């Protein structure tokens, strides 16, 4: 049986002989990360130059980045003496366990692919989904990044996003705005509708055709509820909504 000195000596010899492999692996790691950064930047420039859709470009860049990282990991493992055949065998043996533990991630990746293929929205669109609303900033491999109206960044997993209800507010340039306003039952209904209709015609941010409409929606014991329907550009939606409410209040007070 080897004594402690012999075991220690043997351990030191093995460690020293392994140093060149570690140094080489570290050099490969540094060069690999640098090369991945260069390739990522070059690919981004090519996609931009060819005017590829930003949504598709962002997703492809993410996929390539992870593919390059995995390849680098395999190369370094091989350099450290881990047989690639054994490495593949280990991955194969663990594939079921990994698949079960990463069901969510795989679902999110598949969801990202579906979003890219069917394009329910793209980068720059305003959407409402999963109880959140905001501007789409990026579509990553596993999640979609949006910024809401409070300037909060929100990441929604692609799996639930692709399988859920999505309202794309930006897909059509025009939106029909419907505003509910109320007046006292004692107010002159015909006069109110006439003056408000004329006021709507003076606002150049309201589309003239289809023509704005002011209709009675509901009669209550003491109040009348009107529905005001107008068409506007997406960018003017909030401003016109405010305009209608303020003008309705002024007209009601003057009657």
C-alpha atoms as a PDB file:
ATOM      1  CA  UNK A   1       0.000   0.000   0.000  1.00  0.00           C
ATOM      2  CA  UNK A   2       1.345   3.393  -0.928  1.00  0.00           C
ATOM      3  CA  UNK A   3       2.209   5.618   1.992  1.00  0.00           C
ATOM      4  CA  UNK A   4       1.056   9.223   2.344  1.00  0.00           C
ATOM      5  CA  UNK A   5       4.228  10.709   0.810  1.00  0.00           C
ATOM      6  CA  UNK A   6       3.919   8.561  -2.285  1.00  0.00           C
ATOM      7  CA  UNK A   7       0.236   9.448  -2.698  1.00  0.00           C
ATOM      8  CA  UNK A   8       0.972  13.165  -2.285  1.00  0.00           C
ATOM      9  CA  UNK A   9       3.873  12.981  -4.734  1.00  0.00           C
ATOM     10  CA  UNK A  10       1.721  11.181  -7.265  1.00  0.00           C
ATOM     11  CA  UNK A  11      -1.075  13.720  -6.817  1.00  0.00           C
ATOM     12  CA  UNK A  12       1.339  16.629  -7.371  1.00  0.00           C
ATOM     13  CA  UNK A  13       2.743  15.014 -10.515  1.00  0.00           C
ATOM     14  CA  UNK A  14      -0.732  14.470 -11.923  1.00  0.00           C
ATOM     15  CA  UNK A  15      -1.700  18.045 -11.054  1.00  0.00           C
ATOM     16  CA  UNK A  16       1.393  19.511 -12.708  1.00  0.00           C
ATOM     17  CA  UNK A  17       0.827  17.424 -15.843  1.00  0.00           C
ATOM     18  CA  UNK A  18      -2.754  18.707 -15.960  1.00  0.00           C
ATOM     19  CA  UNK A  19      -1.742  22.404 -15.753  1.00  0.00           C
ATOM     20  CA  UNK A  20      -1.043  22.779 -19.516  1.00  0.00           C
ATOM     21  CA  UNK A  21      -4.547  21.456 -20.283  1.00  0.00           C
ATOM     22  CA  UNK A  22      -6.112  23.941 -17.872  1.00  0.00           C
ATOM     23  CA  UNK A  23      -4.094  26.837 -19.309  1.00  0.00           C
ATOM     24  CA  UNK A  24      -4.999  25.808 -22.851  1.00  0.00           C
ATOM     25  CA  UNK A  25      -8.667  25.528 -21.881  1.00  0.00           C
ATOM     26  CA  UNK A  26      -8.611  29.012 -20.356  1.00  0.00           C
ATOM     27  CA  UNK A  27      -6.988  30.420 -23.500  1.00  0.00           C
ATOM     28  CA  UNK A  28      -9.613  28.703 -25.650  1.00  0.00           C
ATOM     29  CA  UNK A  29     -12.348  30.103 -23.361  1.00  0.00           C
ATOM     30  CA  UNK A  30     -11.031  33.665 -23.676  1.00  0.00           C
ATOM     31  CA  UNK A  31     -10.542  33.404 -27.445  1.00  0.00           C
ATOM     32  CA  UNK A  32     -13.888  31.654 -27.852  1.00  0.00           C
ATOM     33  CA  UNK A  33     -15.817  34.341 -25.972  1.00  0.00           C
ATOM     34  CA  UNK A  34     -14.037  37.032 -27.989  1.00  0.00           C
ATOM     35  CA  UNK A  35     -14.785  35.231 -31.252  1.00  0.00           C
ATOM     36  CA  UNK A  36     -18.441  34.724 -30.277  1.00  0.00           C
ATOM     37  CA  UNK A  37     -18.731  38.458 -29.603  1.00  0.00           C
ATOM     38  CA  UNK A  38     -17.214  39.249 -33.010  1.00  0.00           C
ATOM     39  CA  UNK A  39     -19.458  36.762 -34.830  1.00  0.00           C
ATOM     40  CA  UNK A  40     -22.518  38.060 -32.994  1.00  0.00           C
ATOM     41  CA  UNK A  41     -21.693  41.642 -33.978  1.00  0.00           C
ATOM     42  CA  UNK A  42     -20.932  40.655 -37.582  1.00  0.00           C
ATOM     43  CA  UNK A  43     -24.158  38.655 -37.917  1.00  0.00           C
ATOM     44  CA  UNK A  44     -26.142  41.582 -36.501  1.00  0.00           C
ATOM     45  CA  UNK A  45     -24.598  43.956 -39.065  1.00  0.00           C
ATOM     46  CA  UNK A  46     -25.364  41.569 -41.932  1.00  0.00           C
ATOM     47  CA  UNK A  47     -28.996  41.136 -40.849  1.00  0.00           C
ATOM     48  CA  UNK A  48     -29.377  44.902 -40.437  1.00  0.00           C
ATOM     49  CA  UNK A  49     -27.766  45.610 -43.820  1.00  0.00           C
ATOM     50  CA  UNK A  50     -30.108  43.179 -45.538  1.00  0.00           C
ATOM     51  CA  UNK A  51     -33.073  44.815 -43.781  1.00  0.00           C
ATOM     52  CA  UNK A  52     -34.217  41.603 -42.120  1.00  0.00           C
ATOM     53  CA  UNK A  53     -37.249  42.047 -39.856  1.00  0.00           C
ATOM     54  CA  UNK A  54     -35.940  43.231 -36.420  1.00  0.00           C
ATOM     55  CA  UNK A  55     -38.142  40.721 -34.595  1.00  0.00           C
ATOM     56  CA  UNK A  56     -36.735  37.793 -36.577  1.00  0.00           C
ATOM     57  CA  UNK A  57     -33.171  39.155 -36.328  1.00  0.00           C
ATOM     58  CA  UNK A  58     -33.340  39.464 -32.541  1.00  0.00           C
ATOM     59  CA  UNK A  59     -34.550  35.878 -32.160  1.00  0.00           C
ATOM     60  CA  UNK A  60     -31.955  34.445 -34.574  1.00  0.00           C
ATOM     61  CA  UNK A  61     -29.152  36.306 -32.804  1.00  0.00           C
ATOM     62  CA  UNK A  62     -30.223  34.818 -29.472  1.00  0.00           C
ATOM     63  CA  UNK A  63     -30.328  31.296 -30.923  1.00  0.00           C
ATOM     64  CA  UNK A  64     -26.880  31.663 -32.531  1.00  0.00           C
ATOM     65  CA  UNK A  65     -25.423  33.074 -29.327  1.00  0.00           C
ATOM     66  CA  UNK A  66     -26.526  30.052 -27.301  1.00  0.00           C
ATOM     67  CA  UNK A  67     -25.433  27.638 -30.044  1.00  0.00           C
ATOM     68  CA  UNK A  68     -21.923  29.164 -30.081  1.00  0.00           C
ATOM     69  CA  UNK A  69     -21.723  28.976 -26.280  1.00  0.00           C
ATOM     70  CA  UNK A  70     -22.705  25.299 -26.238  1.00  0.00           C
ATOM     71  CA  UNK A  71     -20.134  24.552 -28.967  1.00  0.00           C
ATOM     72  CA  UNK A  72     -17.445  26.349 -26.967  1.00  0.00           C
ATOM     73  CA  UNK A  73     -18.383  24.338 -23.870  1.00  0.00           C
ATOM     74  CA  UNK A  74     -18.012  21.060 -25.788  1.00  0.00           C
ATOM     75  CA  UNK A  75     -14.615  22.113 -27.187  1.00  0.00           C
ATOM     76  CA  UNK A  76     -13.281  23.086 -23.749  1.00  0.00           C
ATOM     77  CA  UNK A  77     -14.613  19.854 -22.204  1.00  0.00           C
ATOM     78  CA  UNK A  78     -12.812  17.863 -24.885  1.00  0.00           C
ATOM     79  CA  UNK A  79      -9.594  19.791 -24.267  1.00  0.00           C
ATOM     80  CA  UNK A  80      -9.779  18.987 -20.555  1.00  0.00           C
ATOM     81  CA  UNK A  81      -9.811  15.300 -21.385  1.00  0.00           C
ATOM     82  CA  UNK A  82     -13.530  14.659 -21.310  1.00  0.00           C
ATOM     83  CA  UNK A  83     -14.203  12.383 -24.282  1.00  0.00           C
ATOM     84  CA  UNK A  84     -16.827  13.910 -26.554  1.00  0.00           C
ATOM     85  CA  UNK A  85     -18.310  10.457 -27.148  1.00  0.00           C
ATOM     86  CA  UNK A  86     -18.694  10.015 -23.400  1.00  0.00           C
ATOM     87  CA  UNK A  87     -20.011  13.543 -23.147  1.00  0.00           C
ATOM     88  CA  UNK A  88     -22.677  12.790 -25.760  1.00  0.00           C
ATOM     89  CA  UNK A  89     -23.521   9.519 -24.014  1.00  0.00           C
ATOM     90  CA  UNK A  90     -23.973  11.316 -20.708  1.00  0.00           C
ATOM     91  CA  UNK A  91     -26.240  13.889 -22.335  1.00  0.00           C
ATOM     92  CA  UNK A  92     -28.239  11.087 -23.936  1.00  0.00           C
ATOM     93  CA  UNK A  93     -28.620   9.282 -20.620  1.00  0.00           C
ATOM     94  CA  UNK A  94     -29.693  12.493 -18.901  1.00  0.00           C
ATOM     95  CA  UNK A  95     -31.928  13.728 -21.716  1.00  0.00           C
ATOM     96  CA  UNK A  96     -35.125  12.403 -20.135  1.00  0.00           C
ATOM     97  CA  UNK A  97     -34.386  14.011 -16.766  1.00  0.00           C
ATOM     98  CA  UNK A  98     -33.307  17.251 -18.401  1.00  0.00           C
ATOM     99  CA  UNK A  99     -36.382  17.238 -20.620  1.00  0.00           C
ATOM    100  CA  UNK A 100     -38.677  16.789 -17.632  1.00  0.00           C
ATOM    101  CA  UNK A 101     -36.951  19.493 -15.599  1.00  0.00           C
ATOM    102  CA  UNK A 102     -36.896  21.930 -18.507  1.00  0.00           C
ATOM    103  CA  UNK A 103     -40.428  21.433 -19.775  1.00  0.00           C
ATOM    104  CA  UNK A 104     -41.151  25.090 -19.121  1.00  0.00           C
ATOM    105  CA  UNK A 105     -38.026  26.266 -20.942  1.00  0.00           C
ATOM    106  CA  UNK A 106     -38.686  24.018 -23.938  1.00  0.00           C
ATOM    107  CA  UNK A 107     -42.277  25.242 -24.032  1.00  0.00           C
ATOM    108  CA  UNK A 108     -41.052  28.833 -23.941  1.00  0.00           C
ATOM    109  CA  UNK A 109     -38.574  28.166 -26.767  1.00  0.00           C
ATOM    110  CA  UNK A 110     -41.337  26.588 -28.873  1.00  0.00           C
ATOM    111  CA  UNK A 111     -43.549  29.576 -28.051  1.00  0.00           C
ATOM    112  CA  UNK A 112     -40.826  31.935 -29.258  1.00  0.00           C
ATOM    113  CA  UNK A 113     -40.591  30.023 -32.542  1.00  0.00           C
ATOM    114  CA  UNK A 114     -44.382  30.242 -32.995  1.00  0.00           C
ATOM    115  CA  UNK A 115     -44.333  33.987 -32.339  1.00  0.00           C
ATOM    116  CA  UNK A 116     -41.597  34.469 -34.949  1.00  0.00           C
ATOM    117  CA  UNK A 117     -43.381  32.279 -37.516  1.00  0.00           C
ATOM    118  CA  UNK A 118     -46.936  33.561 -37.150  1.00  0.00           C
ATOM    119  CA  UNK A 119     -46.083  37.137 -36.089  1.00  0.00           C
ATOM    120  CA  UNK A 120     -49.023  38.047 -33.833  1.00  0.00           C
ATOM    121  CA  UNK A 121     -46.849  41.046 -32.952  1.00  0.00           C
ATOM    122  CA  UNK A 122     -43.400  42.443 -33.678  1.00  0.00           C
ATOM    123  CA  UNK A 123     -40.852  44.626 -31.943  1.00  0.00           C
ATOM    124  CA  UNK A 124     -42.271  48.122 -31.491  1.00  0.00           C
ATOM    125  CA  UNK A 125     -45.932  47.016 -31.290  1.00  0.00           C
ATOM    126  CA  UNK A 126     -48.171  47.904 -28.353  1.00  0.00           C
ATOM    127  CA  UNK A 127     -49.831  44.762 -26.998  1.00  0.00           C
ATOM    128  CA  UNK A 128     -52.046  43.590 -24.155  1.00  0.00           C
ATOM    129  CA  UNK A 129     -51.389  40.049 -22.907  1.00  0.00           C
ATOM    130  CA  UNK A 130     -51.410  38.100 -19.642  1.00  0.00           C
ATOM    131  CA  UNK A 131     -52.840  41.092 -17.777  1.00  0.00           C
ATOM    132  CA  UNK A 132     -50.012  43.366 -18.941  1.00  0.00           C
ATOM    133  CA  UNK A 133     -49.847  46.030 -21.632  1.00  0.00           C
ATOM    134  CA  UNK A 134     -46.930  47.898 -23.146  1.00  0.00           C
ATOM    135  CA  UNK A 135     -44.486  48.244 -26.018  1.00  0.00           C
ATOM    136  CA  UNK A 136     -42.611  45.155 -27.248  1.00  0.00           C
ATOM    137  CA  UNK A 137     -38.886  45.839 -26.874  1.00  0.00           C
ATOM    138  CA  UNK A 138     -37.417  42.400 -27.669  1.00  0.00           C
ATOM    139  CA  UNK A 139     -38.401  38.786 -28.345  1.00  0.00           C
ATOM    140  CA  UNK A 140     -35.834  36.512 -26.699  1.00  0.00           C
ATOM    141  CA  UNK A 141     -35.508  32.732 -26.905  1.00  0.00           C
ATOM    142  CA  UNK A 142     -37.538  32.090 -23.754  1.00  0.00           C
ATOM    143  CA  UNK A 143     -39.384  35.352 -23.058  1.00  0.00           C
ATOM    144  CA  UNK A 144     -40.701  38.550 -24.580  1.00  0.00           C
ATOM    145  CA  UNK A 145     -39.667  41.887 -23.096  1.00  0.00           C
ATOM    146  CA  UNK A 146     -42.192  44.720 -22.937  1.00  0.00           C
ATOM    147  CA  UNK A 147     -42.132  48.151 -21.306  1.00  0.00           C
ATOM    148  CA  UNK A 148     -45.447  49.337 -19.873  1.00  0.00           C
ATOM    149  CA  UNK A 149     -46.806  52.879 -19.598  1.00  0.00           C
ATOM    150  CA  UNK A 150     -45.154  53.307 -16.186  1.00  0.00           C
ATOM    151  CA  UNK A 151     -41.772  52.540 -17.837  1.00  0.00           C
ATOM    152  CA  UNK A 152     -41.512  49.197 -16.037  1.00  0.00           C
ATOM    153  CA  UNK A 153     -39.778  46.377 -17.921  1.00  0.00           C
ATOM    154  CA  UNK A 154     -41.803  43.148 -17.949  1.00  0.00           C
ATOM    155  CA  UNK A 155     -40.691  39.714 -19.183  1.00  0.00           C
ATOM    156  CA  UNK A 156     -43.491  37.370 -20.256  1.00  0.00           C
ATOM    157  CA  UNK A 157     -42.598  33.677 -20.902  1.00  0.00           C
ATOM    158  CA  UNK A 158     -43.109  32.866 -24.577  1.00  0.00           C
ATOM    159  CA  UNK A 159     -44.956  29.621 -23.775  1.00  0.00           C
ATOM    160  CA  UNK A 160     -47.939  31.208 -22.036  1.00  0.00           C
ATOM    161  CA  UNK A 161     -47.752  34.230 -24.347  1.00  0.00           C
ATOM    162  CA  UNK A 162     -48.100  32.167 -27.534  1.00  0.00           C
ATOM    163  CA  UNK A 163     -50.937  30.082 -26.038  1.00  0.00           C
ATOM    164  CA  UNK A 164     -52.869  32.983 -24.536  1.00  0.00           C
ATOM    165  CA  UNK A 165     -54.958  35.876 -25.753  1.00  0.00           C
ATOM    166  CA  UNK A 166     -52.968  38.713 -27.332  1.00  0.00           C
ATOM    167  CA  UNK A 167     -54.443  42.088 -28.220  1.00  0.00           C
ATOM    168  CA  UNK A 168     -52.220  43.880 -30.740  1.00  0.00           C
ATOM    169  CA  UNK A 169     -53.136  47.538 -30.458  1.00  0.00           C
ATOM    170  CA  UNK A 170     -50.616  48.685 -33.085  1.00  0.00           C
ATOM    171  CA  UNK A 171     -51.466  46.216 -35.844  1.00  0.00           C
ATOM    172  CA  UNK A 172     -54.071  48.550 -37.359  1.00  0.00           C
ATOM    173  CA  UNK A 173     -53.242  52.233 -37.718  1.00  0.00           C
ATOM    174  CA  UNK A 174     -56.771  53.354 -36.857  1.00  0.00           C
ATOM    175  CA  UNK A 175     -58.802  52.560 -33.723  1.00  0.00           C
ATOM    176  CA  UNK A 176     -62.407  53.211 -32.844  1.00  0.00           C
ATOM    177  CA  UNK A 177     -62.599  55.084 -29.582  1.00  0.00           C
ATOM    178  CA  UNK A 178     -65.758  54.666 -27.515  1.00  0.00           C
ATOM    179  CA  UNK A 179     -66.311  57.043 -24.607  1.00  0.00           C
ATOM    180  CA  UNK A 180     -69.185  56.898 -22.136  1.00  0.00           C
ATOM    181  CA  UNK A 181     -70.416  60.232 -20.769  1.00  0.00           C
ATOM    182  CA  UNK A 182     -73.388  61.106 -18.553  1.00  0.00           C
ATOM    183  CA  UNK A 183     -75.636  64.112 -18.099  1.00  0.00           C
ATOM    184  CA  UNK A 184     -78.567  64.871 -15.883  1.00  0.00           C
ATOM    185  CA  UNK A 185     -81.943  63.695 -17.152  1.00  0.00           C
ATOM    186  CA  UNK A 186     -83.077  67.303 -16.959  1.00  0.00           C
ATOM    187  CA  UNK A 187     -80.580  68.369 -19.659  1.00  0.00           C
ATOM    188  CA  UNK A 188     -81.753  68.882 -23.234  1.00  0.00           C
ATOM    189  CA  UNK A 189     -80.713  65.625 -24.903  1.00  0.00           C
ATOM    190  CA  UNK A 190     -81.036  66.805 -28.511  1.00  0.00           C
ATOM    191  CA  UNK A 191     -79.101  69.974 -27.775  1.00  0.00           C
ATOM    192  CA  UNK A 192     -76.348  68.081 -26.004  1.00  0.00           C
ATOM    193  CA  UNK A 193     -75.920  65.659 -28.941  1.00  0.00           C
ATOM    194  CA  UNK A 194     -75.963  68.526 -31.454  1.00  0.00           C
ATOM    195  CA  UNK A 195     -73.340  70.667 -29.699  1.00  0.00           C
ATOM    196  CA  UNK A 196     -71.051  67.725 -28.885  1.00  0.00           C
ATOM    197  CA  UNK A 197     -71.255  66.459 -32.486  1.00  0.00           C
ATOM    198  CA  UNK A 198     -70.279  69.915 -33.786  1.00  0.00           C
ATOM    199  CA  UNK A 199     -67.422  70.066 -31.292  1.00  0.00           C
ATOM    200  CA  UNK A 200     -66.105  66.694 -32.451  1.00  0.00           C
ATOM    201  CA  UNK A 201     -66.049  67.936 -36.037  1.00  0.00           C
ATOM    202  CA  UNK A 202     -63.667  70.758 -35.051  1.00  0.00           C
ATOM    203  CA  UNK A 203     -60.979  68.418 -33.736  1.00  0.00           C
ATOM    204  CA  UNK A 204     -58.543  67.583 -36.563  1.00  0.00           C
ATOM    205  CA  UNK A 205     -57.259  64.534 -34.674  1.00  0.00           C
ATOM    206  CA  UNK A 206     -60.613  62.814 -35.089  1.00  0.00           C
ATOM    207  CA  UNK A 207     -61.099  61.024 -38.432  1.00  0.00           C
ATOM    208  CA  UNK A 208     -63.971  62.596 -40.403  1.00  0.00           C
ATOM    209  CA  UNK A 209     -64.980  59.345 -42.124  1.00  0.00           C
ATOM    210  CA  UNK A 210     -66.481  57.249 -40.658  1.00  0.00           C
ATOM    211  CA  UNK A 211     -68.362  60.162 -39.153  1.00  0.00           C
ATOM    212  CA  UNK A 212     -68.267  60.588 -35.343  1.00  0.00           C
ATOM    213  CA  UNK A 213     -71.469  59.508 -33.581  1.00  0.00           C
ATOM    214  CA  UNK A 214     -73.096  60.496 -30.294  1.00  0.00           C
ATOM    215  CA  UNK A 215     -75.789  58.028 -29.244  1.00  0.00           C
ATOM    216  CA  UNK A 216     -77.969  57.486 -26.191  1.00  0.00           C
ATOM    217  CA  UNK A 217     -76.842  54.263 -24.536  1.00  0.00           C
ATOM    218  CA  UNK A 218     -78.925  54.139 -21.356  1.00  0.00           C
ATOM    219  CA  UNK A 219     -81.709  56.032 -19.602  1.00  0.00           C
ATOM    220  CA  UNK A 220     -81.656  55.975 -15.811  1.00  0.00           C
ATOM    221  CA  UNK A 221     -83.903  57.604 -13.237  1.00  0.00           C
ATOM    222  CA  UNK A 222     -81.784  60.735 -12.969  1.00  0.00           C
ATOM    223  CA  UNK A 223     -79.112  60.422 -15.654  1.00  0.00           C
ATOM    224  CA  UNK A 224     -78.640  59.764 -19.347  1.00  0.00           C
ATOM    225  CA  UNK A 225     -75.627  57.777 -20.530  1.00  0.00           C
ATOM    226  CA  UNK A 226     -74.275  58.566 -24.002  1.00  0.00           C
ATOM    227  CA  UNK A 227     -71.748  56.632 -26.044  1.00  0.00           C
ATOM    228  CA  UNK A 228     -69.423  58.699 -28.237  1.00  0.00           C
ATOM    229  CA  UNK A 229     -67.841  56.766 -31.112  1.00  0.00           C
ATOM    230  CA  UNK A 230     -64.974  58.237 -33.131  1.00  0.00           C
ATOM    231  CA  UNK A 231     -62.086  56.900 -35.219  1.00  0.00           C
ATOM    232  CA  UNK A 232     -58.561  58.070 -34.430  1.00  0.00           C
ATOM    233  CA  UNK A 233     -54.924  57.268 -35.155  1.00  0.00           C
ATOM    234  CA  UNK A 234     -53.324  55.045 -32.540  1.00  0.00           C
ATOM    235  CA  UNK A 235     -51.023  57.856 -31.421  1.00  0.00           C
ATOM    236  CA  UNK A 236     -53.980  60.175 -30.701  1.00  0.00           C
ATOM    237  CA  UNK A 237     -56.135  57.700 -28.779  1.00  0.00           C
ATOM    238  CA  UNK A 238     -55.494  58.948 -25.233  1.00  0.00           C
ATOM    239  CA  UNK A 239     -55.510  62.632 -26.153  1.00  0.00           C
ATOM    240  CA  UNK A 240     -58.843  62.434 -28.012  1.00  0.00           C
ATOM    241  CA  UNK A 241     -60.364  60.432 -25.148  1.00  0.00           C
ATOM    242  CA  UNK A 242     -59.471  63.252 -22.757  1.00  0.00           C
ATOM    243  CA  UNK A 243     -60.792  65.875 -25.211  1.00  0.00           C
ATOM    244  CA  UNK A 244     -64.197  64.185 -25.436  1.00  0.00           C
ATOM    245  CA  UNK A 245     -64.606  63.885 -21.665  1.00  0.00           C
ATOM    246  CA  UNK A 246     -63.680  67.535 -21.067  1.00  0.00           C
ATOM    247  CA  UNK A 247     -65.912  68.874 -23.839  1.00  0.00           C
ATOM    248  CA  UNK A 248     -68.855  66.750 -22.713  1.00  0.00           C
ATOM    249  CA  UNK A 249     -68.467  68.144 -19.189  1.00  0.00           C
ATOM    250  CA  UNK A 250     -68.344  71.747 -20.444  1.00  0.00           C
ATOM    251  CA  UNK A 251     -71.375  71.304 -22.692  1.00  0.00           C
ATOM    252  CA  UNK A 252     -73.373  69.626 -19.943  1.00  0.00           C
ATOM    253  CA  UNK A 253     -72.585  72.435 -17.499  1.00  0.00           C
ATOM    254  CA  UNK A 254     -73.629  75.086 -20.034  1.00  0.00           C
ATOM    255  CA  UNK A 255     -77.077  73.570 -20.708  1.00  0.00           C
END
